[in-house]
Amino acid sequence: MFMYAMRRLGILAAAAAVAACAGEPVTEPDGARLFARHCASCHGSFGEGDGPVAEVMQVAVPNLRSLSARANGSFPRDAVMRYIDGREVPAAHGERLMPVWGDSFEAAAGDAIAAITDFVERLQN
């Protein structure tokens, strides 16, 4: 009888834990927050290439607000996502000047690269 009661108590405890987890909302990553944390030091808060680290860089940090203008008025979403990810940049494109974020963001809940890309798209002039 005691073993039966313990087994039943264990099953109820497991069911309660699963039910509690199921009720927690899954939050999508916040692109503005991720950009501020991972990108703004170089690109600046508004993506203009004027972050506090930009002045010590060996190359000019690009202004992300003009990506659409430089792509004939259409935001190059796929190219931006691939560049942020950085794991599949062809060797013919030369040395990569930005950190590879794909591995870092792969473990994040939701799609962090898409969230940052959405934020950069909203920055377009």
PDB file of N, CA and C in Angstrom:
ATOM      1  N   MET A   1       0.821  -1.186   0.000  1.00  0.00           N
ATOM      2  CA  MET A   1       0.000   0.000   0.000  1.00  0.00           C
ATOM      3  C   MET A   1       0.868   1.253   0.000  1.00  0.00           C
ATOM      4  N   PHE A   2       1.914   1.243   0.835  1.00  0.00           N
ATOM      5  CA  PHE A   2       2.789   2.398   0.922  1.00  0.00           C
ATOM      6  C   PHE A   2       3.466   2.651  -0.420  1.00  0.00           C
ATOM      7  N   MET A   3       3.967   1.613  -1.094  1.00  0.00           N
ATOM      8  CA  MET A   3       4.635   1.754  -2.384  1.00  0.00           C
ATOM      9  C   MET A   3       3.667   2.305  -3.432  1.00  0.00           C
ATOM     10  N   TYR A   4       2.436   1.842  -3.387  1.00  0.00           N
ATOM     11  CA  TYR A   4       1.419   2.321  -4.329  1.00  0.00           C
ATOM     12  C   TYR A   4       1.189   3.819  -4.126  1.00  0.00           C
ATOM     13  N   ALA A   5       1.086   4.235  -2.859  1.00  0.00           N
ATOM     14  CA  ALA A   5       0.858   5.651  -2.557  1.00  0.00           C
ATOM     15  C   ALA A   5       2.058   6.492  -2.991  1.00  0.00           C
ATOM     16  N   MET A   6       3.271   6.016  -2.800  1.00  0.00           N
ATOM     17  CA  MET A   6       4.469   6.753  -3.193  1.00  0.00           C
ATOM     18  C   MET A   6       4.543   6.877  -4.722  1.00  0.00           C
ATOM     19  N   ARG A   7       4.226   5.786  -5.407  1.00  0.00           N
ATOM     20  CA  ARG A   7       4.253   5.807  -6.877  1.00  0.00           C
ATOM     21  C   ARG A   7       3.220   6.814  -7.392  1.00  0.00           C
ATOM     22  N   ARG A   8       2.043   6.772  -6.802  1.00  0.00           N
ATOM     23  CA  ARG A   8       0.982   7.695  -7.226  1.00  0.00           C
ATOM     24  C   ARG A   8       1.374   9.149  -6.937  1.00  0.00           C
ATOM     25  N   LEU A   9       2.000   9.381  -5.802  1.00  0.00           N
ATOM     26  CA  LEU A   9       2.463  10.722  -5.447  1.00  0.00           C
ATOM     27  C   LEU A   9       3.530  11.199  -6.439  1.00  0.00           C
ATOM     28  N   GLY A  10       4.424  10.307  -6.823  1.00  0.00           N
ATOM     29  CA  GLY A  10       5.463  10.646  -7.799  1.00  0.00           C
ATOM     30  C   GLY A  10       4.862  11.000  -9.152  1.00  0.00           C
ATOM     31  N   ILE A  11       3.871  10.230  -9.593  1.00  0.00           N
ATOM     32  CA  ILE A  11       3.197  10.509 -10.870  1.00  0.00           C
ATOM     33  C   ILE A  11       2.495  11.853 -10.811  1.00  0.00           C
ATOM     34  N   LEU A  12       1.816  12.139  -9.702  1.00  0.00           N
ATOM     35  CA  LEU A  12       1.133  13.426  -9.555  1.00  0.00           C
ATOM     36  C   LEU A  12       2.126  14.586  -9.549  1.00  0.00           C
ATOM     37  N   ALA A  13       3.261  14.407  -8.891  1.00  0.00           N
ATOM     38  CA  ALA A  13       4.275  15.464  -8.848  1.00  0.00           C
ATOM     39  C   ALA A  13       4.835  15.724 -10.246  1.00  0.00           C
ATOM     40  N   ALA A  14       5.096  14.658 -10.994  1.00  0.00           N
ATOM     41  CA  ALA A  14       5.602  14.810 -12.362  1.00  0.00           C
ATOM     42  C   ALA A  14       4.575  15.497 -13.247  1.00  0.00           C
ATOM     43  N   ALA A  15       3.318  15.119 -13.117  1.00  0.00           N
ATOM     44  CA  ALA A  15       2.256  15.742 -13.913  1.00  0.00           C
ATOM     45  C   ALA A  15       2.125  17.225 -13.579  1.00  0.00           C
ATOM     46  N   ALA A  16       2.251  17.566 -12.304  1.00  0.00           N
ATOM     47  CA  ALA A  16       2.164  18.964 -11.903  1.00  0.00           C
ATOM     48  C   ALA A  16       3.330  19.768 -12.475  1.00  0.00           C
ATOM     49  N   ALA A  17       4.516  19.168 -12.487  1.00  0.00           N
ATOM     50  CA  ALA A  17       5.684  19.865 -13.040  1.00  0.00           C
ATOM     51  C   ALA A  17       5.519  20.110 -14.531  1.00  0.00           C
ATOM     52  N   VAL A  18       5.035  19.111 -15.253  1.00  0.00           N
ATOM     53  CA  VAL A  18       4.805  19.262 -16.696  1.00  0.00           C
ATOM     54  C   VAL A  18       3.749  20.328 -16.951  1.00  0.00           C
ATOM     55  N   ALA A  19       2.682  20.316 -16.179  1.00  0.00           N
ATOM     56  CA  ALA A  19       1.618  21.313 -16.350  1.00  0.00           C
ATOM     57  C   ALA A  19       2.137  22.715 -16.072  1.00  0.00           C
ATOM     58  N   ALA A  20       2.992  22.861 -15.077  1.00  0.00           N
ATOM     59  CA  ALA A  20       3.541  24.180 -14.758  1.00  0.00           C
ATOM     60  C   ALA A  20       4.423  24.683 -15.885  1.00  0.00           C
ATOM     61  N   CYS A  21       5.234  23.817 -16.459  1.00  0.00           N
ATOM     62  CA  CYS A  21       6.100  24.212 -17.574  1.00  0.00           C
ATOM     63  C   CYS A  21       5.289  24.549 -18.810  1.00  0.00           C
ATOM     64  N   ALA A  22       4.236  23.827 -19.037  1.00  0.00           N
ATOM     65  CA  ALA A  22       3.417  24.062 -20.221  1.00  0.00           C
ATOM     66  C   ALA A  22       2.750  25.425 -20.174  1.00  0.00           C
ATOM     67  N   GLY A  23       2.531  25.948 -18.972  1.00  0.00           N
ATOM     68  CA  GLY A  23       1.865  27.232 -18.836  1.00  0.00           C
ATOM     69  C   GLY A  23       2.793  28.424 -19.003  1.00  0.00           C
ATOM     70  N   GLU A  24       4.116  28.194 -19.008  1.00  0.00           N
ATOM     71  CA  GLU A  24       5.057  29.294 -19.147  1.00  0.00           C
ATOM     72  C   GLU A  24       5.086  29.747 -20.599  1.00  0.00           C
ATOM     73  N   PRO A  25       4.924  31.048 -20.837  1.00  0.00           N
ATOM     74  CA  PRO A  25       4.946  31.528 -22.218  1.00  0.00           C
ATOM     75  C   PRO A  25       6.355  31.462 -22.795  1.00  0.00           C
ATOM     76  N   VAL A  26       6.450  31.128 -24.050  1.00  0.00           N
ATOM     77  CA  VAL A  26       7.722  31.130 -24.755  1.00  0.00           C
ATOM     78  C   VAL A  26       7.888  32.528 -25.327  1.00  0.00           C
ATOM     79  N   THR A  27       8.920  33.216 -24.902  1.00  0.00           N
ATOM     80  CA  THR A  27       9.121  34.576 -25.372  1.00  0.00           C
ATOM     81  C   THR A  27      10.069  34.590 -26.558  1.00  0.00           C
ATOM     82  N   GLU A  28       9.713  35.365 -27.536  1.00  0.00           N
ATOM     83  CA  GLU A  28      10.569  35.531 -28.701  1.00  0.00           C
ATOM     84  C   GLU A  28      11.689  36.499 -28.333  1.00  0.00           C
ATOM     85  N   PRO A  29      12.853  36.336 -28.948  1.00  0.00           N
ATOM     86  CA  PRO A  29      13.950  37.247 -28.635  1.00  0.00           C
ATOM     87  C   PRO A  29      13.615  38.676 -29.053  1.00  0.00           C
ATOM     88  N   ASP A  30      14.098  39.629 -28.293  1.00  0.00           N
ATOM     89  CA  ASP A  30      13.885  41.049 -28.547  1.00  0.00           C
ATOM     90  C   ASP A  30      15.072  41.569 -29.360  1.00  0.00           C
ATOM     91  N   GLY A  31      14.833  41.868 -30.631  1.00  0.00           N
ATOM     92  CA  GLY A  31      15.904  42.303 -31.524  1.00  0.00           C
ATOM     93  C   GLY A  31      16.605  43.564 -31.066  1.00  0.00           C
ATOM     94  N   ALA A  32      15.858  44.525 -30.536  1.00  0.00           N
ATOM     95  CA  ALA A  32      16.468  45.770 -30.057  1.00  0.00           C
ATOM     96  C   ALA A  32      17.405  45.497 -28.883  1.00  0.00           C
ATOM     97  N   ARG A  33      16.958  44.634 -27.978  1.00  0.00           N
ATOM     98  CA  ARG A  33      17.793  44.300 -26.819  1.00  0.00           C
ATOM     99  C   ARG A  33      19.046  43.536 -27.250  1.00  0.00           C
ATOM    100  N   LEU A  34      18.877  42.577 -28.162  1.00  0.00           N
ATOM    101  CA  LEU A  34      20.034  41.817 -28.656  1.00  0.00           C
ATOM    102  C   LEU A  34      21.005  42.723 -29.403  1.00  0.00           C
ATOM    103  N   PHE A  35      20.479  43.641 -30.214  1.00  0.00           N
ATOM    104  CA  PHE A  35      21.328  44.580 -30.951  1.00  0.00           C
ATOM    105  C   PHE A  35      22.117  45.441 -29.956  1.00  0.00           C
ATOM    106  N   ALA A  36      21.439  45.952 -28.940  1.00  0.00           N
ATOM    107  CA  ALA A  36      22.111  46.787 -27.940  1.00  0.00           C
ATOM    108  C   ALA A  36      23.225  46.015 -27.238  1.00  0.00           C
ATOM    109  N   ARG A  37      22.983  44.762 -26.959  1.00  0.00           N
ATOM    110  CA  ARG A  37      23.958  43.951 -26.223  1.00  0.00           C
ATOM    111  C   ARG A  37      25.122  43.494 -27.096  1.00  0.00           C
ATOM    112  N   HIS A  38      24.849  43.113 -28.354  1.00  0.00           N
ATOM    113  CA  HIS A  38      25.881  42.478 -29.166  1.00  0.00           C
ATOM    114  C   HIS A  38      26.411  43.313 -30.331  1.00  0.00           C
ATOM    115  N   CYS A  39      25.691  44.331 -30.748  1.00  0.00           N
ATOM    116  CA  CYS A  39      26.046  45.034 -31.984  1.00  0.00           C
ATOM    117  C   CYS A  39      26.366  46.509 -31.790  1.00  0.00           C
ATOM    118  N   ALA A  40      25.730  47.151 -30.825  1.00  0.00           N
ATOM    119  CA  ALA A  40      25.827  48.601 -30.679  1.00  0.00           C
ATOM    120  C   ALA A  40      27.227  49.084 -30.322  1.00  0.00           C
ATOM    121  N   SER A  41      28.050  48.260 -29.718  1.00  0.00           N
ATOM    122  CA  SER A  41      29.396  48.722 -29.364  1.00  0.00           C
ATOM    123  C   SER A  41      30.179  49.123 -30.608  1.00  0.00           C
ATOM    124  N   CYS A  42      29.928  48.469 -31.717  1.00  0.00           N
ATOM    125  CA  CYS A  42      30.577  48.842 -32.983  1.00  0.00           C
ATOM    126  C   CYS A  42      29.655  49.692 -33.855  1.00  0.00           C
ATOM    127  N   HIS A  43      28.426  49.239 -34.040  1.00  0.00           N
ATOM    128  CA  HIS A  43      27.512  49.882 -34.988  1.00  0.00           C
ATOM    129  C   HIS A  43      26.778  51.091 -34.410  1.00  0.00           C
ATOM    130  N   GLY A  44      26.828  51.299 -33.106  1.00  0.00           N
ATOM    131  CA  GLY A  44      26.116  52.409 -32.484  1.00  0.00           C
ATOM    132  C   GLY A  44      24.681  52.043 -32.179  1.00  0.00           C
ATOM    133  N   SER A  45      24.070  52.772 -31.294  1.00  0.00           N
ATOM    134  CA  SER A  45      22.708  52.481 -30.849  1.00  0.00           C
ATOM    135  C   SER A  45      21.687  52.512 -31.979  1.00  0.00           C
ATOM    136  N   PHE A  46      21.936  53.360 -32.970  1.00  0.00           N
ATOM    137  CA  PHE A  46      20.998  53.496 -34.089  1.00  0.00           C
ATOM    138  C   PHE A  46      21.570  52.935 -35.385  1.00  0.00           C
ATOM    139  N   GLY A  47      22.635  52.129 -35.289  1.00  0.00           N
ATOM    140  CA  GLY A  47      23.187  51.446 -36.452  1.00  0.00           C
ATOM    141  C   GLY A  47      23.963  52.321 -37.410  1.00  0.00           C
ATOM    142  N   GLU A  48      24.420  53.475 -36.973  1.00  0.00           N
ATOM    143  CA  GLU A  48      25.083  54.412 -37.874  1.00  0.00           C
ATOM    144  C   GLU A  48      26.593  54.219 -37.966  1.00  0.00           C
ATOM    145  N   GLY A  49      27.125  53.170 -37.336  1.00  0.00           N
ATOM    146  CA  GLY A  49      28.557  52.892 -37.404  1.00  0.00           C
ATOM    147  C   GLY A  49      29.376  53.742 -36.462  1.00  0.00           C
ATOM    148  N   ASP A  50      28.733  54.300 -35.451  1.00  0.00           N
ATOM    149  CA  ASP A  50      29.408  55.232 -34.555  1.00  0.00           C
ATOM    150  C   ASP A  50      29.467  54.754 -33.109  1.00  0.00           C
ATOM    151  N   GLY A  51      29.534  53.449 -32.929  1.00  0.00           N
ATOM    152  CA  GLY A  51      29.606  52.907 -31.574  1.00  0.00           C
ATOM    153  C   GLY A  51      30.925  53.254 -30.911  1.00  0.00           C
ATOM    154  N   PRO A  52      31.031  53.093 -29.596  1.00  0.00           N
ATOM    155  CA  PRO A  52      32.251  53.470 -28.873  1.00  0.00           C
ATOM    156  C   PRO A  52      33.495  52.703 -29.318  1.00  0.00           C
ATOM    157  N   VAL A  53      33.351  51.525 -29.878  1.00  0.00           N
ATOM    158  CA  VAL A  53      34.500  50.746 -30.334  1.00  0.00           C
ATOM    159  C   VAL A  53      34.895  51.122 -31.767  1.00  0.00           C
ATOM    160  N   ALA A  54      34.001  51.744 -32.514  1.00  0.00           N
ATOM    161  CA  ALA A  54      34.227  52.042 -33.931  1.00  0.00           C
ATOM    162  C   ALA A  54      35.484  52.869 -34.165  1.00  0.00           C
ATOM    163  N   GLU A  55      35.781  53.787 -33.276  1.00  0.00           N
ATOM    164  CA  GLU A  55      36.923  54.667 -33.507  1.00  0.00           C
ATOM    165  C   GLU A  55      38.270  53.961 -33.411  1.00  0.00           C
ATOM    166  N   VAL A  56      38.322  52.798 -32.792  1.00  0.00           N
ATOM    167  CA  VAL A  56      39.589  52.067 -32.701  1.00  0.00           C
ATOM    168  C   VAL A  56      39.666  50.915 -33.698  1.00  0.00           C
ATOM    169  N   MET A  57      38.651  50.767 -34.521  1.00  0.00           N
ATOM    170  CA  MET A  57      38.644  49.695 -35.519  1.00  0.00           C
ATOM    171  C   MET A  57      39.607  50.042 -36.653  1.00  0.00           C
ATOM    172  N   GLN A  58      40.180  49.035 -37.280  1.00  0.00           N
ATOM    173  CA  GLN A  58      41.101  49.217 -38.406  1.00  0.00           C
ATOM    174  C   GLN A  58      40.349  49.574 -39.692  1.00  0.00           C
ATOM    175  N   VAL A  59      39.049  49.277 -39.714  1.00  0.00           N
ATOM    176  CA  VAL A  59      38.212  49.563 -40.885  1.00  0.00           C
ATOM    177  C   VAL A  59      37.006  50.379 -40.433  1.00  0.00           C
ATOM    178  N   ALA A  60      36.367  51.033 -41.399  1.00  0.00           N
ATOM    179  CA  ALA A  60      35.161  51.792 -41.087  1.00  0.00           C
ATOM    180  C   ALA A  60      34.011  50.823 -40.811  1.00  0.00           C
ATOM    181  N   VAL A  61      33.301  51.061 -39.730  1.00  0.00           N
ATOM    182  CA  VAL A  61      32.143  50.235 -39.386  1.00  0.00           C
ATOM    183  C   VAL A  61      30.981  50.728 -40.247  1.00  0.00           C
ATOM    184  N   PRO A  62      30.312  49.831 -40.957  1.00  0.00           N
ATOM    185  CA  PRO A  62      29.258  50.279 -41.871  1.00  0.00           C
ATOM    186  C   PRO A  62      28.035  50.863 -41.171  1.00  0.00           C
ATOM    187  N   ASN A  63      27.426  51.804 -41.841  1.00  0.00           N
ATOM    188  CA  ASN A  63      26.168  52.390 -41.404  1.00  0.00           C
ATOM    189  C   ASN A  63      25.060  51.431 -41.822  1.00  0.00           C
ATOM    190  N   LEU A  64      24.415  50.804 -40.862  1.00  0.00           N
ATOM    191  CA  LEU A  64      23.380  49.814 -41.162  1.00  0.00           C
ATOM    192  C   LEU A  64      22.058  50.453 -41.558  1.00  0.00           C
ATOM    193  N   ARG A  65      21.926  51.757 -41.359  1.00  0.00           N
ATOM    194  CA  ARG A  65      20.678  52.448 -41.699  1.00  0.00           C
ATOM    195  C   ARG A  65      20.510  52.621 -43.208  1.00  0.00           C
ATOM    196  N   SER A  66      21.575  52.421 -43.949  1.00  0.00           N
ATOM    197  CA  SER A  66      21.499  52.640 -45.398  1.00  0.00           C
ATOM    198  C   SER A  66      21.567  51.347 -46.210  1.00  0.00           C
ATOM    199  N   LEU A  67      21.333  50.216 -45.573  1.00  0.00           N
ATOM    200  CA  LEU A  67      21.408  48.942 -46.299  1.00  0.00           C
ATOM    201  C   LEU A  67      20.383  48.874 -47.428  1.00  0.00           C
ATOM    202  N   SER A  68      19.168  49.307 -47.169  1.00  0.00           N
ATOM    203  CA  SER A  68      18.140  49.278 -48.217  1.00  0.00           C
ATOM    204  C   SER A  68      18.505  50.207 -49.363  1.00  0.00           C
ATOM    205  N   ALA A  69      18.981  51.392 -49.041  1.00  0.00           N
ATOM    206  CA  ALA A  69      19.360  52.350 -50.085  1.00  0.00           C
ATOM    207  C   ALA A  69      20.478  51.796 -50.955  1.00  0.00           C
ATOM    208  N   ARG A  70      21.437  51.114 -50.346  1.00  0.00           N
ATOM    209  CA  ARG A  70      22.553  50.539 -51.107  1.00  0.00           C
ATOM    210  C   ARG A  70      22.129  49.309 -51.899  1.00  0.00           C
ATOM    211  N   ALA A  71      20.955  48.761 -51.590  1.00  0.00           N
ATOM    212  CA  ALA A  71      20.441  47.581 -52.310  1.00  0.00           C
ATOM    213  C   ALA A  71      19.240  47.976 -53.182  1.00  0.00           C
ATOM    214  N   ASN A  72      19.305  49.167 -53.759  1.00  0.00           N
ATOM    215  CA  ASN A  72      18.260  49.656 -54.676  1.00  0.00           C
ATOM    216  C   ASN A  72      16.879  49.718 -54.038  1.00  0.00           C
ATOM    217  N   GLY A  73      16.826  50.099 -52.767  1.00  0.00           N
ATOM    218  CA  GLY A  73      15.554  50.324 -52.091  1.00  0.00           C
ATOM    219  C   GLY A  73      14.905  49.107 -51.470  1.00  0.00           C
ATOM    220  N   SER A  74      15.532  47.961 -51.560  1.00  0.00           N
ATOM    221  CA  SER A  74      14.964  46.734 -50.999  1.00  0.00           C
ATOM    222  C   SER A  74      15.891  46.202 -49.907  1.00  0.00           C
ATOM    223  N   PHE A  75      15.349  45.990 -48.724  1.00  0.00           N
ATOM    224  CA  PHE A  75      16.172  45.501 -47.618  1.00  0.00           C
ATOM    225  C   PHE A  75      16.684  44.096 -47.926  1.00  0.00           C
ATOM    226  N   PRO A  76      18.000  43.884 -47.892  1.00  0.00           N
ATOM    227  CA  PRO A  76      18.586  42.575 -48.234  1.00  0.00           C
ATOM    228  C   PRO A  76      18.548  41.599 -47.056  1.00  0.00           C
ATOM    229  N   ARG A  77      17.367  41.211 -46.659  1.00  0.00           N
ATOM    230  CA  ARG A  77      17.145  40.404 -45.457  1.00  0.00           C
ATOM    231  C   ARG A  77      17.992  39.133 -45.406  1.00  0.00           C
ATOM    232  N   ASP A  78      17.947  38.352 -46.463  1.00  0.00           N
ATOM    233  CA  ASP A  78      18.691  37.081 -46.452  1.00  0.00           C
ATOM    234  C   ASP A  78      20.192  37.317 -46.312  1.00  0.00           C
ATOM    235  N   ALA A  79      20.710  38.315 -47.022  1.00  0.00           N
ATOM    236  CA  ALA A  79      22.144  38.611 -46.944  1.00  0.00           C
ATOM    237  C   ALA A  79      22.520  39.086 -45.541  1.00  0.00           C
ATOM    238  N   VAL A  80      21.674  39.908 -44.927  1.00  0.00           N
ATOM    239  CA  VAL A  80      21.941  40.400 -43.573  1.00  0.00           C
ATOM    240  C   VAL A  80      21.938  39.231 -42.589  1.00  0.00           C
ATOM    241  N   MET A  81      20.972  38.360 -42.702  1.00  0.00           N
ATOM    242  CA  MET A  81      20.907  37.195 -41.799  1.00  0.00           C
ATOM    243  C   MET A  81      22.137  36.310 -41.960  1.00  0.00           C
ATOM    244  N   ARG A  82      22.548  36.070 -43.200  1.00  0.00           N
ATOM    245  CA  ARG A  82      23.734  35.231 -43.431  1.00  0.00           C
ATOM    246  C   ARG A  82      24.993  35.897 -42.871  1.00  0.00           C
ATOM    247  N   TYR A  83      25.076  37.218 -43.014  1.00  0.00           N
ATOM    248  CA  TYR A  83      26.273  37.907 -42.529  1.00  0.00           C
ATOM    249  C   TYR A  83      26.320  37.902 -41.002  1.00  0.00           C
ATOM    250  N   ILE A  84      25.188  38.128 -40.357  1.00  0.00           N
ATOM    251  CA  ILE A  84      25.153  38.066 -38.886  1.00  0.00           C
ATOM    252  C   ILE A  84      25.538  36.664 -38.422  1.00  0.00           C
ATOM    253  N   ASP A  85      24.949  35.658 -39.048  1.00  0.00           N
ATOM    254  CA  ASP A  85      25.245  34.269 -38.688  1.00  0.00           C
ATOM    255  C   ASP A  85      26.739  34.005 -38.857  1.00  0.00           C
ATOM    256  N   GLY A  86      27.271  34.296 -40.033  1.00  0.00           N
ATOM    257  CA  GLY A  86      28.702  34.235 -40.274  1.00  0.00           C
ATOM    258  C   GLY A  86      29.331  32.882 -40.444  1.00  0.00           C
ATOM    259  N   ARG A  87      28.579  31.823 -40.332  1.00  0.00           N
ATOM    260  CA  ARG A  87      29.179  30.492 -40.415  1.00  0.00           C
ATOM    261  C   ARG A  87      29.356  30.010 -41.846  1.00  0.00           C
ATOM    262  N   GLU A  88      28.731  30.684 -42.805  1.00  0.00           N
ATOM    263  CA  GLU A  88      28.812  30.213 -44.192  1.00  0.00           C
ATOM    264  C   GLU A  88      29.258  31.303 -45.162  1.00  0.00           C
ATOM    265  N   VAL A  89      30.183  32.156 -44.735  1.00  0.00           N
ATOM    266  CA  VAL A  89      30.675  33.209 -45.617  1.00  0.00           C
ATOM    267  C   VAL A  89      31.700  32.597 -46.564  1.00  0.00           C
ATOM    268  N   PRO A  90      31.472  32.697 -47.878  1.00  0.00           N
ATOM    269  CA  PRO A  90      32.418  32.117 -48.840  1.00  0.00           C
ATOM    270  C   PRO A  90      33.800  32.753 -48.721  1.00  0.00           C
ATOM    271  N   ALA A  91      34.837  31.964 -48.907  1.00  0.00           N
ATOM    272  CA  ALA A  91      36.209  32.446 -48.797  1.00  0.00           C
ATOM    273  C   ALA A  91      36.486  33.567 -49.794  1.00  0.00           C
ATOM    274  N   ALA A  92      35.805  33.560 -50.930  1.00  0.00           N
ATOM    275  CA  ALA A  92      36.014  34.582 -51.955  1.00  0.00           C
ATOM    276  C   ALA A  92      35.609  35.971 -51.476  1.00  0.00           C
ATOM    277  N   HIS A  93      34.852  36.052 -50.399  1.00  0.00           N
ATOM    278  CA  HIS A  93      34.409  37.344 -49.883  1.00  0.00           C
ATOM    279  C   HIS A  93      35.466  38.018 -49.021  1.00  0.00           C
ATOM    280  N   GLY A  94      36.615  37.396 -48.866  1.00  0.00           N
ATOM    281  CA  GLY A  94      37.697  38.002 -48.097  1.00  0.00           C
ATOM    282  C   GLY A  94      37.563  37.763 -46.611  1.00  0.00           C
ATOM    283  N   GLU A  95      38.404  38.473 -45.860  1.00  0.00           N
ATOM    284  CA  GLU A  95      38.433  38.312 -44.404  1.00  0.00           C
ATOM    285  C   GLU A  95      37.153  38.835 -43.765  1.00  0.00           C
ATOM    286  N   ARG A  96      36.651  38.090 -42.812  1.00  0.00           N
ATOM    287  CA  ARG A  96      35.448  38.503 -42.084  1.00  0.00           C
ATOM    288  C   ARG A  96      35.865  39.494 -41.013  1.00  0.00           C
ATOM    289  N   LEU A  97      35.198  40.626 -40.994  1.00  0.00           N
ATOM    290  CA  LEU A  97      35.574  41.694 -40.076  1.00  0.00           C
ATOM    291  C   LEU A  97      34.660  41.773 -38.867  1.00  0.00           C
ATOM    292  N   MET A  98      33.632  40.959 -38.827  1.00  0.00           N
ATOM    293  CA  MET A  98      32.652  40.989 -37.748  1.00  0.00           C
ATOM    294  C   MET A  98      32.638  39.621 -37.065  1.00  0.00           C
ATOM    295  N   PRO A  99      32.330  39.574 -35.772  1.00  0.00           N
ATOM    296  CA  PRO A  99      32.252  38.262 -35.104  1.00  0.00           C
ATOM    297  C   PRO A  99      31.220  37.349 -35.755  1.00  0.00           C
ATOM    298  N   VAL A 100      31.473  36.059 -35.660  1.00  0.00           N
ATOM    299  CA  VAL A 100      30.513  35.049 -36.116  1.00  0.00           C
ATOM    300  C   VAL A 100      29.530  34.841 -34.974  1.00  0.00           C
ATOM    301  N   TRP A 101      28.264  35.210 -35.208  1.00  0.00           N
ATOM    302  CA  TRP A 101      27.260  35.129 -34.150  1.00  0.00           C
ATOM    303  C   TRP A 101      26.421  33.856 -34.218  1.00  0.00           C
ATOM    304  N   GLY A 102      26.498  33.115 -35.313  1.00  0.00           N
ATOM    305  CA  GLY A 102      25.648  31.946 -35.482  1.00  0.00           C
ATOM    306  C   GLY A 102      25.733  30.949 -34.352  1.00  0.00           C
ATOM    307  N   ASP A 103      26.938  30.597 -33.947  1.00  0.00           N
ATOM    308  CA  ASP A 103      27.100  29.633 -32.859  1.00  0.00           C
ATOM    309  C   ASP A 103      26.568  30.190 -31.545  1.00  0.00           C
ATOM    310  N   SER A 104      26.802  31.465 -31.287  1.00  0.00           N
ATOM    311  CA  SER A 104      26.343  32.081 -30.047  1.00  0.00           C
ATOM    312  C   SER A 104      24.824  32.124 -29.966  1.00  0.00           C
ATOM    313  N   PHE A 105      24.178  32.464 -31.078  1.00  0.00           N
ATOM    314  CA  PHE A 105      22.731  32.623 -31.085  1.00  0.00           C
ATOM    315  C   PHE A 105      21.977  31.317 -31.322  1.00  0.00           C
ATOM    316  N   GLU A 106      22.687  30.280 -31.739  1.00  0.00           N
ATOM    317  CA  GLU A 106      22.024  29.005 -32.026  1.00  0.00           C
ATOM    318  C   GLU A 106      21.320  28.443 -30.798  1.00  0.00           C
ATOM    319  N   ALA A 107      21.905  28.636 -29.633  1.00  0.00           N
ATOM    320  CA  ALA A 107      21.328  28.090 -28.397  1.00  0.00           C
ATOM    321  C   ALA A 107      20.240  28.984 -27.815  1.00  0.00           C
ATOM    322  N   ALA A 108      20.080  30.181 -28.364  1.00  0.00           N
ATOM    323  CA  ALA A 108      19.076  31.113 -27.828  1.00  0.00           C
ATOM    324  C   ALA A 108      17.670  30.607 -28.139  1.00  0.00           C
ATOM    325  N   ALA A 109      16.756  30.932 -27.257  1.00  0.00           N
ATOM    326  CA  ALA A 109      15.351  30.580 -27.499  1.00  0.00           C
ATOM    327  C   ALA A 109      14.841  31.426 -28.651  1.00  0.00           C
ATOM    328  N   GLY A 110      14.106  30.831 -29.554  1.00  0.00           N
ATOM    329  CA  GLY A 110      13.600  31.576 -30.705  1.00  0.00           C
ATOM    330  C   GLY A 110      14.699  31.799 -31.709  1.00  0.00           C
ATOM    331  N   ASP A 111      14.507  32.728 -32.602  1.00  0.00           N
ATOM    332  CA  ASP A 111      15.483  32.994 -33.640  1.00  0.00           C
ATOM    333  C   ASP A 111      16.084  34.380 -33.434  1.00  0.00           C
ATOM    334  N   ALA A 112      17.201  34.423 -32.737  1.00  0.00           N
ATOM    335  CA  ALA A 112      17.853  35.681 -32.403  1.00  0.00           C
ATOM    336  C   ALA A 112      18.341  36.410 -33.648  1.00  0.00           C
ATOM    337  N   ILE A 113      18.856  35.687 -34.621  1.00  0.00           N
ATOM    338  CA  ILE A 113      19.356  36.332 -35.839  1.00  0.00           C
ATOM    339  C   ILE A 113      18.218  37.014 -36.581  1.00  0.00           C
ATOM    340  N   ALA A 114      17.079  36.361 -36.676  1.00  0.00           N
ATOM    341  CA  ALA A 114      15.917  36.982 -37.335  1.00  0.00           C
ATOM    342  C   ALA A 114      15.446  38.199 -36.551  1.00  0.00           C
ATOM    343  N   ALA A 115      15.491  38.145 -35.227  1.00  0.00           N
ATOM    344  CA  ALA A 115      15.052  39.279 -34.402  1.00  0.00           C
ATOM    345  C   ALA A 115      15.967  40.481 -34.609  1.00  0.00           C
ATOM    346  N   ILE A 116      17.268  40.252 -34.661  1.00  0.00           N
ATOM    347  CA  ILE A 116      18.208  41.351 -34.903  1.00  0.00           C
ATOM    348  C   ILE A 116      18.008  41.900 -36.311  1.00  0.00           C
ATOM    349  N   THR A 117      17.806  41.012 -37.271  1.00  0.00           N
ATOM    350  CA  THR A 117      17.575  41.445 -38.652  1.00  0.00           C
ATOM    351  C   THR A 117      16.313  42.294 -38.740  1.00  0.00           C
ATOM    352  N   ASP A 118      15.266  41.895 -38.048  1.00  0.00           N
ATOM    353  CA  ASP A 118      14.034  42.700 -38.015  1.00  0.00           C
ATOM    354  C   ASP A 118      14.328  44.094 -37.467  1.00  0.00           C
ATOM    355  N   PHE A 119      15.127  44.160 -36.402  1.00  0.00           N
ATOM    356  CA  PHE A 119      15.468  45.454 -35.816  1.00  0.00           C
ATOM    357  C   PHE A 119      16.249  46.309 -36.813  1.00  0.00           C
ATOM    358  N   VAL A 120      17.232  45.717 -37.474  1.00  0.00           N
ATOM    359  CA  VAL A 120      18.027  46.460 -38.465  1.00  0.00           C
ATOM    360  C   VAL A 120      17.142  46.933 -39.609  1.00  0.00           C
ATOM    361  N   GLU A 121      16.186  46.125 -40.001  1.00  0.00           N
ATOM    362  CA  GLU A 121      15.257  46.535 -41.056  1.00  0.00           C
ATOM    363  C   GLU A 121      14.453  47.763 -40.621  1.00  0.00           C
ATOM    364  N   ARG A 122      14.056  47.807 -39.358  1.00  0.00           N
ATOM    365  CA  ARG A 122      13.315  48.966 -38.853  1.00  0.00           C
ATOM    366  C   ARG A 122      14.165  50.229 -38.794  1.00  0.00           C
ATOM    367  N   LEU A 123      15.480  50.085 -38.791  1.00  0.00           N
ATOM    368  CA  LEU A 123      16.386  51.229 -38.753  1.00  0.00           C
ATOM    369  C   LEU A 123      16.532  51.921 -40.118  1.00  0.00           C
ATOM    370  N   GLN A 124      16.093  51.282 -41.172  1.00  0.00           N
ATOM    371  CA  GLN A 124      16.335  51.831 -42.513  1.00  0.00           C
ATOM    372  C   GLN A 124      15.717  53.207 -42.666  1.00  0.00           C
ATOM    373  N   ASN A 125      16.458  54.105 -43.318  1.00  0.00           N
ATOM    374  CA  ASN A 125      15.993  55.487 -43.548  1.00  0.00           C
ATOM    375  C   ASN A 125      14.852  55.519 -44.532  1.00  0.00           C
TER     376      ASN A 125
END
